[in-house]
Amino acid sequence: MSINNHSLVKQAIRELEALPETMVREVLDFIGELRVKHGLLPDETPKTGIHRGLLLSTFGNWNDERDAEEIVQEIYESRTISESDYNL
């Protein structure tokens, strides 16, 4: 690692340490995307055979214009309650 690169890594670590955990996880996801994009990961994991590029390319792809409350409401409305009498 060159001196310039080492300095950048130290700066990145300082920035990461200042972030909340959720944002650090986003940064890690982004790093994974960059590694796949630039061919720095194997195509498949040795243990599972899952294609890493395909898996990572799906991260963050959920698109919905509804807010969370609307989505939760739809879930509740789609559930049914059985009217059957149960004898135990």
Protein backbone atom coordinates (compact mmCIF):
# COMPACT_ATOMS: atom_id res chain seq x y z
CA MET A 1 0.00 0.00 0.00
CA SER A 2 1.45 3.36 -1.00
CA ILE A 3 1.77 6.26 1.44
CA ASN A 4 -1.04 8.17 -0.33
CA ASN A 5 -3.29 5.11 -0.26
CA HIS A 6 -2.52 4.55 3.43
CA SER A 7 -3.50 8.15 4.16
CA LEU A 8 -6.80 7.70 2.30
CA VAL A 9 -7.55 4.51 4.22
CA LYS A 10 -6.92 6.27 7.54
CA GLN A 11 -9.21 9.13 6.47
CA ALA A 12 -11.92 6.66 5.42
CA ILE A 13 -11.67 4.88 8.78
CA ARG A 14 -12.07 8.19 10.64
CA GLU A 15 -15.15 8.98 8.55
CA LEU A 16 -16.63 5.52 9.13
CA GLU A 17 -16.11 5.77 12.87
CA ALA A 18 -18.20 8.95 12.91
CA LEU A 19 -21.19 7.28 11.20
CA PRO A 20 -24.07 5.41 12.84
CA GLU A 21 -24.10 1.62 12.31
CA THR A 22 -26.87 1.74 9.72
CA MET A 23 -24.85 4.08 7.52
CA VAL A 24 -21.71 1.96 7.94
CA ARG A 25 -23.71 -1.00 6.64
CA GLU A 26 -24.70 1.10 3.60
CA VAL A 27 -21.05 1.92 2.99
CA LEU A 28 -20.16 -1.78 3.18
CA ASP A 29 -22.90 -2.59 0.67
CA PHE A 30 -21.53 0.09 -1.65
CA ILE A 31 -18.01 -1.29 -1.31
CA GLY A 32 -19.35 -4.71 -2.27
CA GLU A 33 -21.02 -3.21 -5.35
CA LEU A 34 -17.78 -1.50 -6.35
CA ARG A 35 -15.80 -4.71 -5.94
CA VAL A 36 -18.25 -6.60 -8.13
CA LYS A 37 -18.35 -3.81 -10.72
CA HIS A 38 -14.56 -3.81 -11.00
CA GLY A 39 -14.15 -7.58 -10.90
CA LEU A 40 -12.47 -7.73 -7.51
CA LEU A 41 -14.65 -10.60 -6.20
CA PRO A 42 -14.88 -14.16 -7.45
CA ASP A 43 -17.98 -14.93 -9.52
CA GLU A 44 -19.20 -17.53 -7.05
CA THR A 45 -18.71 -18.10 -3.36
CA PRO A 46 -16.89 -21.38 -2.77
CA LYS A 47 -19.35 -22.75 -0.18
CA THR A 48 -22.70 -21.87 -1.74
CA GLY A 49 -22.05 -21.43 -5.44
CA ILE A 50 -24.20 -18.27 -5.33
CA HIS A 51 -23.23 -15.78 -8.00
CA ARG A 52 -22.04 -12.80 -5.97
CA GLY A 53 -22.53 -10.20 -8.68
CA LEU A 54 -26.11 -11.26 -9.20
CA LEU A 55 -26.83 -11.25 -5.48
CA LEU A 56 -25.21 -7.88 -4.81
CA SER A 57 -26.88 -6.31 -7.84
CA THR A 58 -30.27 -6.86 -6.17
CA PHE A 59 -29.40 -4.86 -3.04
CA GLY A 60 -31.32 -1.63 -2.74
CA ASN A 61 -33.59 -2.34 -5.71
CA TRP A 62 -36.93 -2.15 -3.89
CA ASN A 63 -38.94 0.71 -5.38
CA ASP A 64 -42.30 1.72 -4.00
CA GLU A 65 -43.90 5.15 -3.88
CA ARG A 66 -45.97 4.28 -0.82
CA ASP A 67 -44.71 5.14 2.62
CA ALA A 68 -44.14 2.45 5.25
CA GLU A 69 -47.52 3.04 6.92
CA GLU A 70 -49.38 2.41 3.65
CA ILE A 71 -47.46 -0.81 3.05
CA VAL A 72 -48.14 -2.05 6.59
CA GLN A 73 -51.84 -1.15 6.22
CA GLU A 74 -52.03 -3.18 3.00
CA ILE A 75 -50.47 -6.16 4.76
CA TYR A 76 -53.00 -5.97 7.59
CA GLU A 77 -55.89 -5.62 5.15
CA SER A 78 -54.78 -8.68 3.19
CA ARG A 79 -54.85 -10.92 6.26
CA THR A 80 -57.99 -12.89 7.00
CA ILE A 81 -59.42 -14.13 10.23
CA SER A 82 -61.09 -17.50 10.25
CA GLU A 83 -64.71 -17.46 11.47
CA SER A 84 -64.69 -21.21 12.17
CA ASP A 85 -65.64 -22.54 15.60
CA TYR A 86 -62.87 -24.57 17.14
CA ASN A 87 -63.57 -27.15 19.82
CA LEU A 88 -60.57 -28.06 21.84
